Protein backbone atom coordinates (compact mmCIF):
# COMPACT_ATOMS: atom_id res chain seq x y z
CA MET A 1 -20.41 -11.08 -2.46
CA PRO A 2 -24.13 -10.76 -3.25
CA GLU A 3 -25.61 -7.74 -1.50
CA LEU A 4 -29.17 -6.68 -0.71
CA PRO A 5 -30.48 -6.32 -4.30
CA GLU A 6 -29.05 -9.66 -5.42
CA VAL A 7 -30.38 -11.52 -2.37
CA GLU A 8 -33.78 -9.88 -2.73
CA VAL A 9 -33.96 -11.02 -6.37
CA VAL A 10 -33.30 -14.60 -5.20
CA ARG A 11 -35.90 -14.25 -2.42
CA ARG A 12 -38.53 -13.20 -4.93
CA GLY A 13 -37.65 -16.18 -7.10
CA LEU A 14 -38.00 -18.57 -4.16
CA ALA A 15 -41.36 -17.03 -3.26
CA GLU A 16 -42.56 -17.77 -6.79
CA HIS A 17 -40.99 -21.19 -7.40
CA ALA A 18 -40.47 -22.86 -4.00
CA VAL A 19 -43.23 -21.68 -1.64
CA GLY A 20 -46.10 -24.17 -1.44
CA ARG A 21 -44.08 -27.09 -2.86
CA ALA A 22 -43.31 -29.98 -0.50
CA ILE A 23 -39.64 -30.91 -0.11
CA GLY A 24 -38.61 -34.48 -0.93
CA ALA A 25 -35.52 -36.49 0.03
CA VAL A 26 -32.70 -33.99 0.46
CA GLU A 27 -29.16 -34.79 -0.75
CA VAL A 28 -26.16 -33.10 0.85
CA LEU A 29 -23.31 -33.42 -1.65
CA HIS A 30 -20.70 -31.37 0.21
CA PRO A 31 -20.64 -31.28 4.04
CA ARG A 32 -19.07 -27.80 4.16
CA SER A 33 -22.27 -26.30 2.81
CA VAL A 34 -24.19 -27.43 5.93
CA ARG A 35 -21.34 -26.76 8.40
CA ARG A 36 -23.48 -24.26 10.35
CA HIS A 37 -26.14 -26.94 10.93
CA GLU A 38 -24.47 -28.35 14.04
CA PRO A 39 -26.39 -31.68 14.27
CA GLY A 40 -24.96 -32.65 10.88
CA ALA A 41 -26.01 -33.42 7.32
CA ALA A 42 -28.32 -36.34 8.15
CA ASP A 43 -30.30 -34.26 10.63
CA PHE A 44 -30.44 -31.38 8.13
CA ALA A 45 -31.99 -33.66 5.51
CA ALA A 46 -34.40 -35.32 7.94
CA ARG A 47 -35.78 -32.02 9.21
CA LEU A 48 -36.55 -30.83 5.68
CA GLU A 49 -38.09 -33.94 4.09
CA GLY A 50 -41.86 -33.59 3.77
CA ARG A 51 -41.87 -29.98 4.92
CA VAL A 52 -43.64 -27.29 2.87
CA PRO A 53 -42.21 -23.74 2.60
CA THR A 54 -44.92 -21.20 3.43
CA ALA A 55 -43.00 -17.95 2.83
CA ALA A 56 -39.66 -16.62 1.58
CA ARG A 57 -38.09 -13.85 3.67
CA ARG A 58 -34.88 -11.87 3.92
CA ARG A 59 -32.94 -9.69 6.31
CA GLY A 60 -29.91 -7.92 4.87
CA LYS A 61 -27.91 -10.55 2.97
CA TYR A 62 -29.58 -13.55 4.64
CA LEU A 63 -32.65 -15.25 3.21
CA TRP A 64 -34.81 -18.07 4.45
CA LEU A 65 -37.82 -20.22 3.70
CA VAL A 66 -40.37 -20.44 6.52
CA LEU A 67 -41.45 -24.10 6.87
CA ASP A 68 -44.81 -25.50 7.92
CA SER A 69 -43.01 -27.09 10.89
CA GLY A 70 -42.27 -23.63 12.31
CA GLU A 71 -38.57 -23.99 11.52
CA MET A 72 -36.70 -22.11 8.81
CA LEU A 73 -34.33 -23.07 5.99
CA LEU A 74 -31.74 -20.31 6.26
CA SER A 75 -29.13 -19.56 3.61
CA HIS A 76 -26.26 -17.17 3.08
CA LEU A 77 -24.80 -17.08 -0.42
CA GLY A 78 -21.29 -16.16 0.64
CA MET A 79 -19.01 -15.19 -2.26
CA SER A 80 -20.37 -17.47 -4.97
CA GLY A 81 -23.53 -19.20 -3.72
CA GLN A 82 -26.54 -19.68 -6.00
CA MET A 83 -30.06 -20.88 -5.25
CA LEU A 84 -31.36 -22.38 -8.50
CA VAL A 85 -34.71 -23.94 -9.35
CA GLN A 86 -34.12 -26.57 -12.05
CA PRO A 87 -36.22 -29.28 -13.72
CA THR A 88 -35.63 -32.74 -12.26
CA GLY A 89 -33.21 -34.59 -14.51
CA LYS A 90 -31.33 -31.55 -15.74
CA PRO A 91 -27.56 -32.26 -15.55
CA ASP A 92 -26.02 -31.28 -12.24
CA GLU A 93 -24.03 -28.09 -12.01
CA ARG A 94 -20.32 -28.64 -11.44
CA HIS A 95 -20.46 -27.09 -7.96
CA LEU A 96 -23.83 -28.46 -6.82
CA ARG A 97 -23.68 -28.82 -3.00
CA VAL A 98 -27.26 -29.50 -1.82
CA ARG A 99 -30.29 -30.80 -3.73
CA LEU A 100 -33.88 -30.36 -2.50
CA PRO A 101 -36.49 -32.07 -4.72
CA LEU A 102 -39.83 -30.21 -4.85
CA SER A 103 -43.27 -31.70 -5.33
CA ASP A 104 -43.92 -29.93 -8.64
CA GLY A 105 -41.15 -31.84 -10.41
CA THR A 106 -38.42 -29.24 -9.96
CA GLU A 107 -35.41 -29.13 -7.65
CA LEU A 108 -34.06 -26.36 -5.47
CA ARG A 109 -30.28 -26.55 -5.84
CA PHE A 110 -27.66 -24.83 -3.72
CA VAL A 111 -24.63 -24.32 -5.95
CA ASP A 112 -21.46 -22.80 -4.50
CA GLN A 113 -18.09 -22.77 -6.23
CA ARG A 114 -16.04 -21.48 -3.30
CA THR A 115 -18.15 -23.05 -0.50
CA PHE A 116 -18.11 -19.86 1.59
CA GLY A 117 -21.92 -19.87 1.66
CA HIS A 118 -24.07 -22.19 3.73
CA VAL A 119 -27.57 -23.53 4.38
CA MET A 120 -29.00 -24.68 7.69
CA VAL A 121 -32.28 -25.37 9.49
CA ASP A 122 -32.87 -22.80 12.23
CA VAL A 123 -35.60 -21.91 14.72
CA PRO A 124 -37.15 -18.50 15.49
CA GLY A 125 -35.17 -16.30 17.82
CA VAL A 126 -36.18 -13.28 19.88
CA LEU A 127 -38.18 -12.11 16.88
CA VAL A 128 -40.67 -14.84 15.97
CA ASP A 129 -40.31 -14.32 12.22
CA VAL A 130 -36.48 -14.15 12.14
CA PRO A 131 -34.08 -17.11 12.55
CA SER A 132 -32.23 -17.11 15.86
CA SER A 133 -28.79 -17.05 14.26
CA VAL A 134 -29.47 -13.76 12.44
CA ASP A 135 -31.72 -11.87 14.84
CA HIS A 136 -28.75 -9.63 15.69
CA ILE A 137 -28.74 -8.30 12.11
CA THR A 138 -30.48 -4.93 11.94
CA LEU A 139 -33.02 -3.82 9.34
CA ASP A 140 -31.94 -2.77 5.86
CA PRO A 141 -32.85 0.60 4.29
CA LEU A 142 -35.50 -0.96 2.01
CA ASP A 143 -37.37 -2.53 4.94
CA PRO A 144 -40.63 -0.71 5.80
CA GLY A 145 -39.63 -0.76 9.48
CA PHE A 146 -36.29 1.01 8.91
CA VAL A 147 -36.22 4.39 10.70
CA PRO A 148 -33.92 6.89 8.91
CA ASP A 149 -33.56 9.27 11.87
CA VAL A 150 -32.35 6.45 14.12
CA PHE A 151 -29.73 5.47 11.55
CA VAL A 152 -28.55 9.06 11.06
CA ARG A 153 -28.10 9.58 14.80
CA ALA A 154 -26.30 6.26 15.22
CA LEU A 155 -24.02 6.93 12.25
CA ARG A 156 -22.96 10.36 13.51
CA ALA A 157 -22.36 8.97 17.00
CA ARG A 158 -19.72 6.59 15.64
CA ASN A 159 -16.07 7.56 15.39
CA THR A 160 -15.01 5.63 12.31
CA GLU A 161 -14.65 5.85 8.53
CA VAL A 162 -18.01 6.24 6.82
CA LYS A 163 -17.58 3.21 4.55
CA ARG A 164 -16.65 1.03 7.50
CA ALA A 165 -19.89 2.15 9.16
CA LEU A 166 -21.94 1.35 6.05
CA LEU A 167 -20.62 -2.23 6.12
CA ASP A 168 -21.49 -2.70 9.80
CA GLN A 169 -24.51 -5.04 9.77
CA SER A 170 -25.46 -4.00 13.30
CA LEU A 171 -25.92 -0.41 12.09
CA ILE A 172 -27.45 -0.97 8.65
CA SER A 173 -27.79 -4.31 6.88
CA GLY A 174 -27.59 -5.35 3.25
CA VAL A 175 -24.99 -2.79 2.13
CA GLY A 176 -21.75 -4.30 0.84
CA ASN A 177 -18.68 -3.12 -1.00
CA ILE A 178 -20.36 -2.40 -4.34
CA TYR A 179 -23.30 -0.31 -3.15
CA ALA A 180 -21.29 1.44 -0.44
CA ASP A 181 -18.89 2.73 -3.12
CA GLU A 182 -21.80 3.73 -5.35
CA ALA A 183 -23.67 5.56 -2.58
CA LEU A 184 -20.50 7.39 -1.52
CA TRP A 185 -19.80 8.42 -5.13
CA ARG A 186 -23.33 9.81 -5.48
CA SER A 187 -22.83 11.67 -2.18
CA SER A 188 -19.39 13.04 -3.17
CA LEU A 189 -17.99 11.58 0.05
CA HIS A 190 -14.65 9.82 0.39
CA TRP A 191 -14.80 6.40 2.05
CA ALA A 192 -12.38 7.53 4.81
CA ARG A 193 -14.50 10.53 5.88
CA SER A 194 -15.09 10.48 9.63
CA THR A 195 -18.68 9.81 10.64
CA ARG A 196 -18.23 12.19 13.58
CA GLU A 197 -17.57 15.04 11.14
CA MET A 198 -20.64 14.41 8.97
CA SER A 199 -23.59 16.75 9.24
CA GLY A 200 -27.12 15.46 9.64
CA ALA A 201 -27.88 16.59 6.09
CA GLU A 202 -24.88 14.68 4.70
CA ALA A 203 -25.83 11.51 6.56
CA THR A 204 -29.45 11.78 5.41
CA ALA A 205 -28.38 12.33 1.80
CA LEU A 206 -26.02 9.34 1.96
CA LEU A 207 -28.83 7.10 3.19
CA GLY A 208 -31.04 8.36 0.38
CA HIS A 209 -28.38 7.55 -2.21
CA ALA A 210 -27.86 4.07 -0.73
CA ARG A 211 -31.60 3.43 -1.01
CA ASP A 212 -31.74 4.78 -4.55
CA VAL A 213 -28.81 2.80 -5.90
CA MET A 214 -30.02 -0.47 -4.39
CA THR A 215 -33.56 0.12 -5.65
CA GLU A 216 -32.23 0.78 -9.15
CA ALA A 217 -30.08 -2.35 -9.00
CA LEU A 218 -33.04 -4.42 -7.83
CA GLU A 219 -35.08 -3.27 -10.83
CA VAL A 220 -32.55 -4.77 -13.27
CA GLY A 221 -31.79 -7.95 -11.33
CA GLY A 222 -28.74 -6.82 -9.35
CA THR A 223 -25.05 -6.74 -10.27
CA THR A 224 -23.21 -9.73 -11.73
CA PHE A 225 -19.42 -10.17 -11.77
CA ASP A 226 -17.67 -13.30 -13.11
CA GLY A 227 -21.06 -14.94 -13.71
CA LEU A 228 -21.24 -16.04 -10.07
CA TYR A 229 -24.39 -14.17 -9.08
CA VAL A 230 -27.58 -15.27 -10.86
CA ASN A 231 -31.26 -15.44 -9.99
CA VAL A 232 -33.10 -18.73 -9.37
CA ASN A 233 -33.46 -19.23 -13.12
CA GLY A 234 -29.73 -18.80 -13.72
CA GLU A 235 -30.08 -15.32 -15.23
CA SER A 236 -27.55 -12.55 -14.58
CA GLY A 237 -28.33 -9.03 -13.38
CA TYR A 238 -27.48 -5.96 -15.45
CA PHE A 239 -26.67 -3.20 -12.97
CA GLU A 240 -22.93 -3.49 -13.67
CA ARG A 241 -23.65 -1.25 -16.66
CA GLY A 242 -24.89 1.47 -14.31
CA LEU A 243 -21.95 1.53 -11.90
CA ASN A 244 -20.19 4.88 -11.49
CA ALA A 245 -17.30 3.92 -9.19
CA TYR A 246 -17.02 0.27 -8.23
CA GLY A 247 -14.69 -1.70 -10.54
CA ARG A 248 -14.01 1.34 -12.75
CA ARG A 249 -10.33 1.92 -11.94
CA ASP A 250 -8.68 4.36 -14.40
CA ARG A 251 -11.97 4.99 -16.21
CA PRO A 252 -13.27 8.59 -16.27
CA CYS A 253 -15.59 9.76 -13.53
CA GLY A 254 -19.03 10.32 -15.02
CA ARG A 255 -19.30 13.61 -13.14
CA CYS A 256 -15.94 15.34 -13.63
CA GLY A 257 -13.87 13.11 -15.93
CA ALA A 258 -11.03 12.39 -13.48
CA PRO A 259 -9.81 8.75 -13.53
CA ILE A 260 -11.43 6.60 -10.83
CA VAL A 261 -8.87 5.31 -8.31
CA ARG A 262 -8.70 2.04 -6.44
CA GLU A 263 -7.49 1.99 -2.83
CA ALA A 264 -6.95 -0.85 -0.40
CA PHE A 265 -9.67 -1.08 2.25
CA MET A 266 -10.26 -3.82 4.85
CA ASN A 267 -8.58 -6.55 2.74
CA ARG A 268 -10.66 -5.53 -0.26
CA SER A 269 -10.87 -2.54 -2.61
CA SER A 270 -12.56 0.84 -2.50
CA TYR A 271 -13.20 2.89 -5.64
CA SER A 272 -13.68 6.64 -5.72
CA CYS A 273 -13.10 9.82 -7.71
CA PRO A 274 -10.05 11.73 -6.40
CA ARG A 275 -11.57 15.04 -7.53
CA CYS A 276 -15.24 14.69 -6.56
CA GLN A 277 -14.58 12.66 -3.40
CA LYS A 278 -11.63 14.42 -1.86
CA PRO A 279 -9.91 12.35 0.86
CA PRO A 280 -9.87 13.81 4.36
CA PRO A 281 -6.61 15.19 5.76
CA PRO A 282 -4.50 12.66 7.68
CA ARG A 283 -5.48 12.31 11.31
CA SER A 284 -2.93 13.74 13.74
């Protein structure tokens, strides 16, 4: 699933190629992609036609276009969603789900192979600049308003595995499986380490590594697996080449040489070094 760096790359592309262009007659080609827009596909299209995006914003893994109507076009990419800006007339992608013509002769296309992602029109919530359906999502560590000390205290107050805490979008947003594994590797912490047992220094260092790894990924366009994540121009990111743990099962740890191991975690996988990231003793 695209995480903070990948979604931020898409947001920047939308800011460059979609903001300021009026939206034409919208086509919904697969109803599942607008399933979160409760009034239905026809209402979705009607509320967008003629509107002009004025800004592109993001919180965690959600991104949205602010419209001149005061509403917002909200999207979540899910497992395989792509927001592409293509010239009008270019052949449709096989998994094109929603088409939004733009006034400069291009089209904003929502492409989603697995249809786990979605787009919808939303209104501001408690926070005037955040859609109501995502105003429960907390700030991410790259947001200027993120307060590290608050996160550290909240993390250490939990009684859970540290990776499970990193994936909790009410505690810290934007971190997913890839960058959690990478931050934990850089911190020499096993994913099952108890947050209650972490020192303030360990929690602060972990946050710093999470920020660093996501910033580095952002600089090279994010991480691409299976060709499913691309920017708005269809280009892949290159951070996969810089991964130290995620997806590197049986390959040598770049720090000590021990083979990276893969373990089951929350119906997904967790990758770590068995020597550098020693697992905690079993709980009694």
